[in-house]
């Protein structure tokens, strides 16, 4: 896995539509395709969130041809939720790899295709899939990587029937050791579930203990994911986040924009002012960091303002980059940036003019909180452009 959640040496797989004949039985699969050979499976990686939970690499050793073919069918990139549910209906029972892969694929598709949570969780085929995990006791003996995939998936679709069970199993399994990728994926699962009950906190406690022991083995993406997850559920584990910041500082040249902004945001969210790391961020040029986009600038300036770090250099350098990427900002990022500049009293008329212009666009959806932050920022900065006042007055009278 590369920095930023990429994978090496993996190619695009053939689609279910390329399979012209398929016969499944208990022992084997005979398949003929329009291509001479089916290339390896490419794990799903979310390039926008940095989510490190992805499908396990296709393991052929010890697996039947039926299992390998099903894996390829499940993870085909053009699948819809209905496509995967149909495969589940026609092909259960699955082995452990395909059980974890199918629930994870369904959770990703539900989110990407804007399918309602209830539409999936109340579907009899999803219920049967979850029952297969629980009734056969499969999850109790899963590799931790598969357990992390399934935990994130059920948390993402808000299926509370099994989420606590998987969290409890994972907490016990971590005690005997875990690699950084599994730790960050499990922390991400808890943050996705938005849960602060005893089971979720017990899992995060074990993640914290094991992360403290193995932090030197974390790659930048795992550091960023784990830090973000702890901050997201308001777990104020300052010693752990300081360790993550120390480790990130040593790997600063390897951090991409998302890694950097997530760690900065996490520290600010729990009000932990890690002086060495924040100073390094302050003096790092954005053009030297891969993947510095609108959201990353928004997170960083919000974090510095939250910690009341009035870095003239950082805010001055960021303003023109925000102007360049302003069309890609949603209303929350517009409000966060305006709030941050006003909070530290950094007046930039050109920036506020662009923020005001973008906030005025009729296609933008702006909730009450974002409107209030924009109004406060413009007033606090003493910028009273016609567009800013007209937007607040006419959008929500």
Foldseek 3Di string as FASTA:
>chain_A
DAAQQADPDFDAWDEPVQWPDWDDDDAAIDTDGPDPDTGFHDWDADNPQLQNQTQDGQDPPPDHNRQSVLLRHQVRPVDALVSLLVSLVVPDDHALSNLLNSLLSNLVRCVVVVPQLCVQVVDVSNVVSVCSCPVVVVLLPDDLSSLLSNLLSCLSSVPVPCNLVSLQSNLVVCVVPDALSSLLSNLLSLLSNLDDDPSSVSSLVSSLVRCVVVVLRDDLSSLLSNLLSCLSSPNLPPVSLLSSLVNCLVVVLRHALSSLLSSLLSCLSSLNCNPVSLVVVLPDQNVSHHPNALVSLLSNLLSCLSNLPLRVSNLVRSQVRCLVRVLVDALVSLLSNLLSCLSNLPADLVSLVSSLVSLQDPVGDDDPVSLVSLVVSCVSNVHDDPSNVVSSVPVPD
